[in-house]
Each structure stands twice: as C-alpha cells, then as structure tokens.
Amino acid sequence: MGLIKTADTIAKLACFPALLALLISASSAQEAAAPNFRWKPVVDPNARITIRGITYAPEFALHDWNVQRAADAATDVTRFEVRSGDQWSEDRSSGENKERSELDGYKRTFAHGTDVWGAYSLFIEPGMEYRSDWTAISQMHGSALRDFHIHFKEGKLIVYSEYAGPGAAAGPSVRYTGPLTRNVWHDVVFHLREGGPPDGHLDLWLDKQKIINFAGPIGAVGNQAYWKFGIYRGYGPIATPFSVAFANMEIGTSDLTARIGNPLEIK
C-alpha cells in the first residue's frame, strides 16, 4: 500500500520537476543513511584482527559501539564510533584529553623509500558537525613521524603530509582540502614513497579523481611506517558523536593502480 501511494504521489508531481527531483533525492538519502550490516562489537582490547595479511590491534575505550565488524559481509567492513569521553587507556594515562577508536597495524612496517599502496572505501555516517583541534580518520604513522594523515573536519576532507630533514623536527603541510559528502561510500587509493626531492611522492585518488600529486620531501630517513585507521580526535571531550566505516582495506607494496577505476565491491 505504501509503495502504491508513493508511486501515485510521484506521478501527480510529475508536472513539478523541481519538487519531484527533491522528493527522489530525499528518498535516496534516507536509504543511504548508514551501512546496512549486522555489526559484531570488538570487546577484547587484546584482540588481533587480520585484514588481508596485516594484523591490527584495537585501540578503544572498551565500549561495544567503539569498534564493530560486519558479521554478514562478504569481505571486511569495520565501523568505528567515538562518543564524548571515549578514551583509550593509554591516552587517559598520558593525561591528554584525546578520544579514539582505531585499528593499529604497527606490526607491519614499511622501510623508508618503499613504495606503499593502499585502497579502501570510506563511509562517514550522518551527524552534527563539530569543531575539534583534529579528527584523523586514517594515518600512515611511523617510528619517527606520520608520513601523511587524513582528517574530516566541519564537512571537509583534509590531508596533511610530514617531513623531517636531518636534525630537524617534523613539519606538517596541507596537501588537500575539499568537501566530502556524508551518507555515501567514497573510494580512496594512495601511493606513498618516503624520500627527499626528487624521490618523495604522495599520490591520492578520491572517487577516481586524483586530488594529490605531490613530488617532494616526505617522511624521514630511518622511519618505519605503518597504517592506522579509525577515529582519533582531540582535544575533548567533544559532545558530538562521530561514526565512520571502512571496507575492503588493502595496504601493501603491490601496485593498486587498477583500484582507481575498479574499486572492490561492498556487499
């Protein structure tokens, strides 16, 4: 009955194209309000989660909403949520008011000068905007610095890279800033090579479009890079909850150029 009424309403509104388009758009947005999976929470802080050959350690506040894995997906899908005051034990003991829910891949490192590739899909759930000093949603961390880190803040995707020359401290530089729509899956591919000019590179594609094409100094000599993803924000507590899902996470040294135009299916 509801479908019949909806179809009849749309038919009656056909002579009002703008209103009809608005109705269809609102219907589509509602259907895409959140990833439709059955979520199984990660509750063990000592758990080890292996995704395509990389073992990740969870860093979270031990709530069942912090890190969740899709129990009914054909591939890997992980959901992260941070609410006000959700502090990992090590952040709490440091005295800094930071909030996080992440998977840390520190056991798989990439030496300075290695070509590292990554590909994944990203879904930022609907919610209120908020201000924070930072909200990182993935980062190529390391023993010396973070080669690059991706943030979502006030509706925008922001990408930073870092470089530290001999005897110097790491300095971040903004490589990209642009709006990012919530409620839909976005496809990301990146290629990183640490090094000074002309060897350093950071390339990043978003939804098949290249948004970063950087050739220059990035990383630090001797750095051992490793991948982390999830939510890391500060300084809090921030009243607004924030939720992000990732799917088809691939990190390694194999060339993933093919993923730019053909991302893995999410199902």
C-alpha atoms as a PDB file:
ATOM      1  CA  MET A   1       0.000   0.000   0.000  1.00  0.00           C
ATOM      2  CA  GLY A   2       2.817   2.434   0.906  1.00  0.00           C
ATOM      3  CA  LEU A   3       4.609   1.841  -2.395  1.00  0.00           C
ATOM      4  CA  ILE A   4       1.385   2.411  -4.331  1.00  0.00           C
ATOM      5  CA  LYS A   5       0.770   5.692  -2.533  1.00  0.00           C
ATOM      6  CA  THR A   6       4.357   6.801  -3.128  1.00  0.00           C
ATOM      7  CA  ALA A   7       4.160   5.988  -6.833  1.00  0.00           C
ATOM      8  CA  ASP A   8       0.834   7.808  -7.125  1.00  0.00           C
ATOM      9  CA  THR A   9       2.304  10.870  -5.384  1.00  0.00           C
ATOM     10  CA  ILE A  10       5.295  10.921  -7.719  1.00  0.00           C
ATOM     11  CA  ALA A  11       3.005  10.614 -10.744  1.00  0.00           C
ATOM     12  CA  LYS A  12       0.922  13.561  -9.559  1.00  0.00           C
ATOM     13  CA  LEU A  13       4.067  15.632  -9.022  1.00  0.00           C
ATOM     14  CA  ALA A  14       5.497  14.860 -12.476  1.00  0.00           C
ATOM     15  CA  CYS A  15       4.403  18.277 -13.685  1.00  0.00           C
ATOM     16  CA  PHE A  16       6.593  19.871 -10.996  1.00  0.00           C
ATOM     17  CA  PRO A  17      10.112  18.713 -11.977  1.00  0.00           C
ATOM     18  CA  ALA A  18      11.997  20.541  -9.223  1.00  0.00           C
ATOM     19  CA  LEU A  19       9.739  19.211  -6.469  1.00  0.00           C
ATOM     20  CA  LEU A  20       9.859  15.710  -7.935  1.00  0.00           C
ATOM     21  CA  ALA A  21      13.664  15.764  -8.001  1.00  0.00           C
ATOM     22  CA  LEU A  22      13.723  16.886  -4.367  1.00  0.00           C
ATOM     23  CA  LEU A  23      11.411  14.031  -3.364  1.00  0.00           C
ATOM     24  CA  ILE A  24      13.521  11.409  -5.135  1.00  0.00           C
ATOM     25  CA  SER A  25      16.732  12.870  -3.686  1.00  0.00           C
ATOM     26  CA  ALA A  26      15.347  12.792  -0.145  1.00  0.00           C
ATOM     27  CA  SER A  27      14.246   9.174  -0.615  1.00  0.00           C
ATOM     28  CA  SER A  28      17.710   8.146  -1.846  1.00  0.00           C
ATOM     29  CA  ALA A  29      19.456   9.929   1.037  1.00  0.00           C
ATOM     30  CA  GLN A  30      17.285   8.108   3.543  1.00  0.00           C
ATOM     31  CA  GLU A  31      18.105   4.727   2.005  1.00  0.00           C
ATOM     32  CA  ALA A  32      21.829   5.513   2.271  1.00  0.00           C
ATOM     33  CA  ALA A  33      21.648   6.733   5.863  1.00  0.00           C
ATOM     34  CA  ALA A  34      24.033   4.065   7.214  1.00  0.00           C
ATOM     35  CA  PRO A  35      25.867   0.937   6.041  1.00  0.00           C
ATOM     36  CA  ASN A  36      23.352  -1.899   6.196  1.00  0.00           C
ATOM     37  CA  PHE A  37      25.238  -4.655   8.014  1.00  0.00           C
ATOM     38  CA  ARG A  38      24.843  -6.731  11.149  1.00  0.00           C
ATOM     39  CA  TRP A  39      27.555  -5.432  13.442  1.00  0.00           C
ATOM     40  CA  LYS A  40      29.549  -7.544  15.901  1.00  0.00           C
ATOM     41  CA  PRO A  41      31.410  -5.460  18.508  1.00  0.00           C
ATOM     42  CA  VAL A  42      35.079  -5.905  19.303  1.00  0.00           C
ATOM     43  CA  VAL A  43      35.199  -6.123  23.104  1.00  0.00           C
ATOM     44  CA  ASP A  44      38.648  -7.605  23.796  1.00  0.00           C
ATOM     45  CA  PRO A  45      41.430  -4.992  23.963  1.00  0.00           C
ATOM     46  CA  ASN A  46      43.954  -7.771  23.310  1.00  0.00           C
ATOM     47  CA  ALA A  47      42.215  -8.987  20.167  1.00  0.00           C
ATOM     48  CA  ARG A  48      44.190  -9.160  16.945  1.00  0.00           C
ATOM     49  CA  ILE A  49      42.274  -8.566  13.713  1.00  0.00           C
ATOM     50  CA  THR A  50      43.840  -9.690  10.447  1.00  0.00           C
ATOM     51  CA  ILE A  51      42.751  -7.954   7.240  1.00  0.00           C
ATOM     52  CA  ARG A  52      44.407  -9.072   4.006  1.00  0.00           C
ATOM     53  CA  GLY A  53      47.606 -10.191   5.691  1.00  0.00           C
ATOM     54  CA  ILE A  54      48.040  -7.271   8.093  1.00  0.00           C
ATOM     55  CA  THR A  55      47.362  -7.769  11.795  1.00  0.00           C
ATOM     56  CA  TYR A  56      45.740  -4.825  13.578  1.00  0.00           C
ATOM     57  CA  ALA A  57      45.471  -4.137  17.298  1.00  0.00           C
ATOM     58  CA  PRO A  58      42.341  -2.294  18.514  1.00  0.00           C
ATOM     59  CA  GLU A  59      42.779   0.931  20.485  1.00  0.00           C
ATOM     60  CA  PHE A  60      39.458   1.975  22.004  1.00  0.00           C
ATOM     61  CA  ALA A  61      37.563   2.850  25.178  1.00  0.00           C
ATOM     62  CA  LEU A  62      36.120  -0.675  25.657  1.00  0.00           C
ATOM     63  CA  HIS A  63      32.538   0.257  24.759  1.00  0.00           C
ATOM     64  CA  ASP A  64      30.661  -2.073  22.429  1.00  0.00           C
ATOM     65  CA  TRP A  65      29.984   0.770  19.972  1.00  0.00           C
ATOM     66  CA  ASN A  66      33.651   1.786  19.558  1.00  0.00           C
ATOM     67  CA  VAL A  67      34.869  -0.860  17.089  1.00  0.00           C
ATOM     68  CA  GLN A  68      32.471  -3.157  15.241  1.00  0.00           C
ATOM     69  CA  ARG A  69      32.990  -5.674  12.449  1.00  0.00           C
ATOM     70  CA  ALA A  70      30.327  -6.616   9.907  1.00  0.00           C
ATOM     71  CA  ALA A  71      29.322 -10.198  10.657  1.00  0.00           C
ATOM     72  CA  ASP A  72      27.340 -10.675   7.456  1.00  0.00           C
ATOM     73  CA  ALA A  73      29.612  -9.043   4.845  1.00  0.00           C
ATOM     74  CA  ALA A  74      31.346 -10.970   2.090  1.00  0.00           C
ATOM     75  CA  THR A  75      34.536  -9.003   2.771  1.00  0.00           C
ATOM     76  CA  ASP A  76      35.928  -6.896   5.603  1.00  0.00           C
ATOM     77  CA  VAL A  77      33.861  -3.936   6.814  1.00  0.00           C
ATOM     78  CA  THR A  78      34.728  -2.176  10.062  1.00  0.00           C
ATOM     79  CA  ARG A  79      32.749   0.541  11.814  1.00  0.00           C
ATOM     80  CA  PHE A  80      34.185   2.992  14.350  1.00  0.00           C
ATOM     81  CA  GLU A  81      32.327   5.328  16.694  1.00  0.00           C
ATOM     82  CA  VAL A  82      33.557   7.808  19.287  1.00  0.00           C
ATOM     83  CA  ARG A  83      31.291   9.430  21.832  1.00  0.00           C
ATOM     84  CA  SER A  84      32.126  12.111  24.362  1.00  0.00           C
ATOM     85  CA  GLY A  85      34.813  10.896  26.769  1.00  0.00           C
ATOM     86  CA  ASP A  86      35.720   7.709  24.868  1.00  0.00           C
ATOM     87  CA  GLN A  87      39.396   7.456  25.781  1.00  0.00           C
ATOM     88  CA  TRP A  88      41.780   4.586  25.119  1.00  0.00           C
ATOM     89  CA  SER A  89      43.585   3.606  28.327  1.00  0.00           C
ATOM     90  CA  GLU A  90      46.991   4.820  27.097  1.00  0.00           C
ATOM     91  CA  ASP A  91      45.563   8.229  26.154  1.00  0.00           C
ATOM     92  CA  ARG A  92      43.907   8.502  29.551  1.00  0.00           C
ATOM     93  CA  SER A  93      47.102   7.614  31.408  1.00  0.00           C
ATOM     94  CA  SER A  94      49.056  10.229  29.422  1.00  0.00           C
ATOM     95  CA  GLY A  95      46.845  12.956  30.881  1.00  0.00           C
ATOM     96  CA  GLU A  96      45.883  14.245  27.432  1.00  0.00           C
ATOM     97  CA  ASN A  97      42.177  14.531  26.676  1.00  0.00           C
ATOM     98  CA  LYS A  98      42.142  12.691  23.368  1.00  0.00           C
ATOM     99  CA  GLU A  99      39.429  10.355  22.105  1.00  0.00           C
ATOM    100  CA  ARG A 100      39.939   7.431  19.750  1.00  0.00           C
ATOM    101  CA  SER A 101      38.691   4.176  18.253  1.00  0.00           C
ATOM    102  CA  GLU A 102      41.304   2.804  15.855  1.00  0.00           C
ATOM    103  CA  LEU A 103      42.910  -0.295  14.427  1.00  0.00           C
ATOM    104  CA  ASP A 104      46.705  -0.074  14.649  1.00  0.00           C
ATOM    105  CA  GLY A 105      48.791  -2.007  12.121  1.00  0.00           C
ATOM    106  CA  TYR A 106      52.141  -1.356  13.820  1.00  0.00           C
ATOM    107  CA  LYS A 107      53.251  -4.985  13.411  1.00  0.00           C
ATOM    108  CA  ARG A 108      53.618  -4.491   9.634  1.00  0.00           C
ATOM    109  CA  THR A 109      56.106  -1.729   8.893  1.00  0.00           C
ATOM    110  CA  PHE A 110      57.426  -0.283   5.635  1.00  0.00           C
ATOM    111  CA  ALA A 111      61.025   0.921   5.438  1.00  0.00           C
ATOM    112  CA  HIS A 112      61.990   4.385   4.246  1.00  0.00           C
ATOM    113  CA  GLY A 113      61.954   4.519   0.435  1.00  0.00           C
ATOM    114  CA  THR A 114      59.458   1.662  -0.008  1.00  0.00           C
ATOM    115  CA  ASP A 115      56.597   2.124  -2.463  1.00  0.00           C
ATOM    116  CA  VAL A 116      53.476   1.650  -0.330  1.00  0.00           C
ATOM    117  CA  TRP A 117      49.996   1.381  -1.839  1.00  0.00           C
ATOM    118  CA  GLY A 118      46.588   1.495  -0.204  1.00  0.00           C
ATOM    119  CA  ALA A 119      42.987   1.174  -1.355  1.00  0.00           C
ATOM    120  CA  TYR A 120      39.745   1.190   0.589  1.00  0.00           C
ATOM    121  CA  SER A 121      36.219   2.572   0.728  1.00  0.00           C
ATOM    122  CA  LEU A 122      35.053   5.079   3.333  1.00  0.00           C
ATOM    123  CA  PHE A 123      31.588   5.924   4.674  1.00  0.00           C
ATOM    124  CA  ILE A 124      31.038   8.844   7.068  1.00  0.00           C
ATOM    125  CA  GLU A 125      27.715   8.436   8.821  1.00  0.00           C
ATOM    126  CA  PRO A 126      25.293  11.355   9.165  1.00  0.00           C
ATOM    127  CA  GLY A 127      25.633  13.540  12.241  1.00  0.00           C
ATOM    128  CA  MET A 128      26.076  17.058  13.536  1.00  0.00           C
ATOM    129  CA  GLU A 129      29.193  18.990  12.599  1.00  0.00           C
ATOM    130  CA  TYR A 130      31.567  19.948  15.367  1.00  0.00           C
ATOM    131  CA  ARG A 131      34.840  21.765  15.928  1.00  0.00           C
ATOM    132  CA  SER A 132      37.967  19.966  17.124  1.00  0.00           C
ATOM    133  CA  ASP A 133      41.696  20.538  17.046  1.00  0.00           C
ATOM    134  CA  TRP A 134      41.834  17.495  14.792  1.00  0.00           C
ATOM    135  CA  THR A 135      39.828  14.446  13.756  1.00  0.00           C
ATOM    136  CA  ALA A 136      42.046  11.977  11.934  1.00  0.00           C
ATOM    137  CA  ILE A 137      40.242   9.145  10.145  1.00  0.00           C
ATOM    138  CA  SER A 138      43.353   7.338   8.854  1.00  0.00           C
ATOM    139  CA  GLN A 139      47.089   7.853   9.047  1.00  0.00           C
ATOM    140  CA  MET A 140      50.367   6.424   7.815  1.00  0.00           C
ATOM    141  CA  HIS A 141      52.050   6.549  11.210  1.00  0.00           C
ATOM    142  CA  GLY A 142      55.672   5.665  11.859  1.00  0.00           C
ATOM    143  CA  SER A 143      58.543   5.337  14.285  1.00  0.00           C
ATOM    144  CA  ALA A 144      59.670   8.928  13.618  1.00  0.00           C
ATOM    145  CA  LEU A 145      56.645  10.761  12.203  1.00  0.00           C
ATOM    146  CA  ARG A 146      53.377  10.369  10.326  1.00  0.00           C
ATOM    147  CA  ASP A 147      54.059  10.425   6.592  1.00  0.00           C
ATOM    148  CA  PHE A 148      50.506  11.557   5.923  1.00  0.00           C
ATOM    149  CA  HIS A 149      47.238  11.736   7.806  1.00  0.00           C
ATOM    150  CA  ILE A 150      43.674  12.182   6.572  1.00  0.00           C
ATOM    151  CA  HIS A 151      41.167  14.239   8.559  1.00  0.00           C
ATOM    152  CA  PHE A 152      37.464  15.057   8.426  1.00  0.00           C
ATOM    153  CA  LYS A 153      36.540  18.376   9.985  1.00  0.00           C
ATOM    154  CA  GLU A 154      33.490  20.606   9.515  1.00  0.00           C
ATOM    155  CA  GLY A 155      32.388  18.747   6.404  1.00  0.00           C
ATOM    156  CA  LYS A 156      35.794  18.768   4.715  1.00  0.00           C
ATOM    157  CA  LEU A 157      38.409  16.163   3.952  1.00  0.00           C
ATOM    158  CA  ILE A 158      41.886  17.452   4.815  1.00  0.00           C
ATOM    159  CA  VAL A 159      45.143  15.649   4.004  1.00  0.00           C
ATOM    160  CA  TYR A 160      48.489  16.529   5.599  1.00  0.00           C
ATOM    161  CA  SER A 161      51.979  15.206   4.877  1.00  0.00           C
ATOM    162  CA  GLU A 162      55.053  15.454   7.114  1.00  0.00           C
ATOM    163  CA  TYR A 163      58.777  15.708   6.518  1.00  0.00           C
ATOM    164  CA  ALA A 164      61.773  15.874   8.831  1.00  0.00           C
ATOM    165  CA  GLY A 165      65.239  16.588   7.481  1.00  0.00           C
ATOM    166  CA  PRO A 166      68.417  15.594   9.332  1.00  0.00           C
ATOM    167  CA  GLY A 167      68.362  17.051  12.845  1.00  0.00           C
ATOM    168  CA  ALA A 168      65.033  18.809  12.257  1.00  0.00           C
ATOM    169  CA  ALA A 169      61.586  18.302  13.765  1.00  0.00           C
ATOM    170  CA  ALA A 170      58.703  17.060  11.632  1.00  0.00           C
ATOM    171  CA  GLY A 171      56.641  19.758   9.950  1.00  0.00           C
ATOM    172  CA  PRO A 172      53.115  19.153   8.590  1.00  0.00           C
ATOM    173  CA  SER A 173      51.906  20.590   5.286  1.00  0.00           C
ATOM    174  CA  VAL A 174      48.358  20.641   3.909  1.00  0.00           C
ATOM    175  CA  ARG A 175      48.172  18.751   0.613  1.00  0.00           C
ATOM    176  CA  TYR A 176      44.409  18.828   0.057  1.00  0.00           C
ATOM    177  CA  THR A 177      41.237  20.399   1.443  1.00  0.00           C
ATOM    178  CA  GLY A 178      37.796  19.830  -0.049  1.00  0.00           C
ATOM    179  CA  PRO A 179      34.187  18.999   0.849  1.00  0.00           C
ATOM    180  CA  LEU A 180      33.245  15.365   1.422  1.00  0.00           C
ATOM    181  CA  THR A 181      29.647  14.151   1.355  1.00  0.00           C
ATOM    182  CA  ARG A 182      28.353  12.020   4.191  1.00  0.00           C
ATOM    183  CA  ASN A 183      25.963   9.062   3.768  1.00  0.00           C
ATOM    184  CA  VAL A 184      27.698   7.601   0.711  1.00  0.00           C
ATOM    185  CA  TRP A 185      30.675   5.333   0.109  1.00  0.00           C
ATOM    186  CA  HIS A 186      33.818   7.029  -1.185  1.00  0.00           C
ATOM    187  CA  ASP A 187      36.712   5.160  -2.806  1.00  0.00           C
ATOM    188  CA  VAL A 188      40.303   6.018  -1.864  1.00  0.00           C
ATOM    189  CA  VAL A 189      43.590   4.900  -3.420  1.00  0.00           C
ATOM    190  CA  PHE A 190      47.036   6.167  -2.388  1.00  0.00           C
ATOM    191  CA  HIS A 191      50.682   5.678  -3.294  1.00  0.00           C
ATOM    192  CA  LEU A 192      53.457   6.744  -0.921  1.00  0.00           C
ATOM    193  CA  ARG A 193      57.221   6.752  -1.219  1.00  0.00           C
ATOM    194  CA  GLU A 194      59.213   8.382   1.554  1.00  0.00           C
ATOM    195  CA  GLY A 195      62.221  10.418   0.493  1.00  0.00           C
ATOM    196  CA  GLY A 196      63.683  13.809  -0.163  1.00  0.00           C
ATOM    197  CA  PRO A 197      63.458  15.548  -3.533  1.00  0.00           C
ATOM    198  CA  PRO A 198      63.174  14.163  -6.151  1.00  0.00           C
ATOM    199  CA  ASP A 199      62.345  10.754  -4.658  1.00  0.00           C
ATOM    200  CA  GLY A 200      59.461  11.542  -2.284  1.00  0.00           C
ATOM    201  CA  HIS A 201      55.941  11.028  -3.616  1.00  0.00           C
ATOM    202  CA  LEU A 202      52.370  11.126  -2.358  1.00  0.00           C
ATOM    203  CA  ASP A 203      49.562  10.423  -4.816  1.00  0.00           C
ATOM    204  CA  LEU A 204      45.947  10.130  -3.684  1.00  0.00           C
ATOM    205  CA  TRP A 205      42.760   9.460  -5.637  1.00  0.00           C
ATOM    206  CA  LEU A 206      39.256  10.089  -4.311  1.00  0.00           C
ATOM    207  CA  ASP A 207      36.322   8.612  -6.225  1.00  0.00           C
ATOM    208  CA  LYS A 208      38.532   8.031  -9.300  1.00  0.00           C
ATOM    209  CA  GLN A 209      39.808  11.642  -9.326  1.00  0.00           C
ATOM    210  CA  LYS A 210      43.420  12.427  -8.463  1.00  0.00           C
ATOM    211  CA  ILE A 211      43.375  15.027  -5.686  1.00  0.00           C
ATOM    212  CA  ILE A 212      47.038  14.875  -4.613  1.00  0.00           C
ATOM    213  CA  ASN A 213      50.014  14.719  -6.955  1.00  0.00           C
ATOM    214  CA  PHE A 214      52.933  15.634  -4.717  1.00  0.00           C
ATOM    215  CA  ALA A 215      56.573  15.102  -5.589  1.00  0.00           C
ATOM    216  CA  GLY A 216      58.879  16.371  -2.886  1.00  0.00           C
ATOM    217  CA  PRO A 217      60.210  15.726   0.599  1.00  0.00           C
ATOM    218  CA  ILE A 218      58.077  13.409   2.710  1.00  0.00           C
ATOM    219  CA  GLY A 219      58.860  11.188   5.694  1.00  0.00           C
ATOM    220  CA  ALA A 220      62.202  10.845   7.457  1.00  0.00           C
ATOM    221  CA  VAL A 221      65.321   8.750   6.956  1.00  0.00           C
ATOM    222  CA  GLY A 222      65.049   5.602   9.065  1.00  0.00           C
ATOM    223  CA  ASN A 223      61.310   5.924   9.586  1.00  0.00           C
ATOM    224  CA  GLN A 224      59.364   2.663   9.834  1.00  0.00           C
ATOM    225  CA  ALA A 225      55.875   3.471   8.566  1.00  0.00           C
ATOM    226  CA  TYR A 226      52.695   1.592   9.480  1.00  0.00           C
ATOM    227  CA  TRP A 227      48.988   2.032   8.768  1.00  0.00           C
ATOM    228  CA  LYS A 228      46.281   3.017  11.265  1.00  0.00           C
ATOM    229  CA  PHE A 229      42.618   3.695  10.560  1.00  0.00           C
ATOM    230  CA  GLY A 230      39.529   4.637  12.530  1.00  0.00           C
ATOM    231  CA  ILE A 231      38.876   7.802  14.552  1.00  0.00           C
ATOM    232  CA  TYR A 232      41.419   9.828  16.527  1.00  0.00           C
ATOM    233  CA  ARG A 233      40.257  13.250  17.684  1.00  0.00           C
ATOM    234  CA  GLY A 234      41.156  15.947  20.198  1.00  0.00           C
ATOM    235  CA  TYR A 235      41.100  17.805  22.335  1.00  0.00           C
ATOM    236  CA  GLY A 236      37.880  16.724  24.007  1.00  0.00           C
ATOM    237  CA  PRO A 237      35.624  15.727  25.371  1.00  0.00           C
ATOM    238  CA  ILE A 238      33.567  16.723  22.343  1.00  0.00           C
ATOM    239  CA  ALA A 239      29.830  16.365  22.853  1.00  0.00           C
ATOM    240  CA  THR A 240      29.040  15.247  19.294  1.00  0.00           C
ATOM    241  CA  PRO A 241      29.341  11.528  18.435  1.00  0.00           C
ATOM    242  CA  PHE A 242      31.169  10.630  15.240  1.00  0.00           C
ATOM    243  CA  SER A 243      30.968   7.400  13.202  1.00  0.00           C
ATOM    244  CA  VAL A 244      32.966   6.120  10.226  1.00  0.00           C
ATOM    245  CA  ALA A 245      33.001   2.804   8.349  1.00  0.00           C
ATOM    246  CA  PHE A 246      35.776   1.342   6.170  1.00  0.00           C
ATOM    247  CA  ALA A 247      35.569  -1.527   3.687  1.00  0.00           C
ATOM    248  CA  ASN A 248      37.979  -3.562   1.556  1.00  0.00           C
ATOM    249  CA  MET A 249      41.131  -2.309   3.275  1.00  0.00           C
ATOM    250  CA  GLU A 250      44.222  -3.138   1.215  1.00  0.00           C
ATOM    251  CA  ILE A 251      47.676  -1.972   2.346  1.00  0.00           C
ATOM    252  CA  GLY A 252      50.983  -3.234   0.961  1.00  0.00           C
ATOM    253  CA  THR A 253      53.637  -2.926  -1.707  1.00  0.00           C
ATOM    254  CA  SER A 254      51.617  -4.251  -4.660  1.00  0.00           C
ATOM    255  CA  ASP A 255      50.670  -1.648  -7.271  1.00  0.00           C
ATOM    256  CA  LEU A 256      46.973  -0.828  -6.819  1.00  0.00           C
ATOM    257  CA  THR A 257      46.535   1.437  -9.846  1.00  0.00           C
ATOM    258  CA  ALA A 258      43.736  -0.842 -11.052  1.00  0.00           C
ATOM    259  CA  ARG A 259      41.661   0.018  -7.959  1.00  0.00           C
ATOM    260  CA  ILE A 260      41.356   3.652  -9.078  1.00  0.00           C
ATOM    261  CA  GLY A 261      38.797   2.820 -11.729  1.00  0.00           C
ATOM    262  CA  ASN A 262      37.626  -0.519 -10.330  1.00  0.00           C
ATOM    263  CA  PRO A 263      37.209  -0.461  -6.544  1.00  0.00           C
ATOM    264  CA  LEU A 264      36.256  -3.689  -4.828  1.00  0.00           C
ATOM    265  CA  GLU A 265      32.546  -4.227  -4.364  1.00  0.00           C
ATOM    266  CA  ILE A 266      30.992  -3.682  -0.941  1.00  0.00           C
ATOM    267  CA  LYS A 267      28.449  -6.351  -0.074  1.00  0.00           C
END
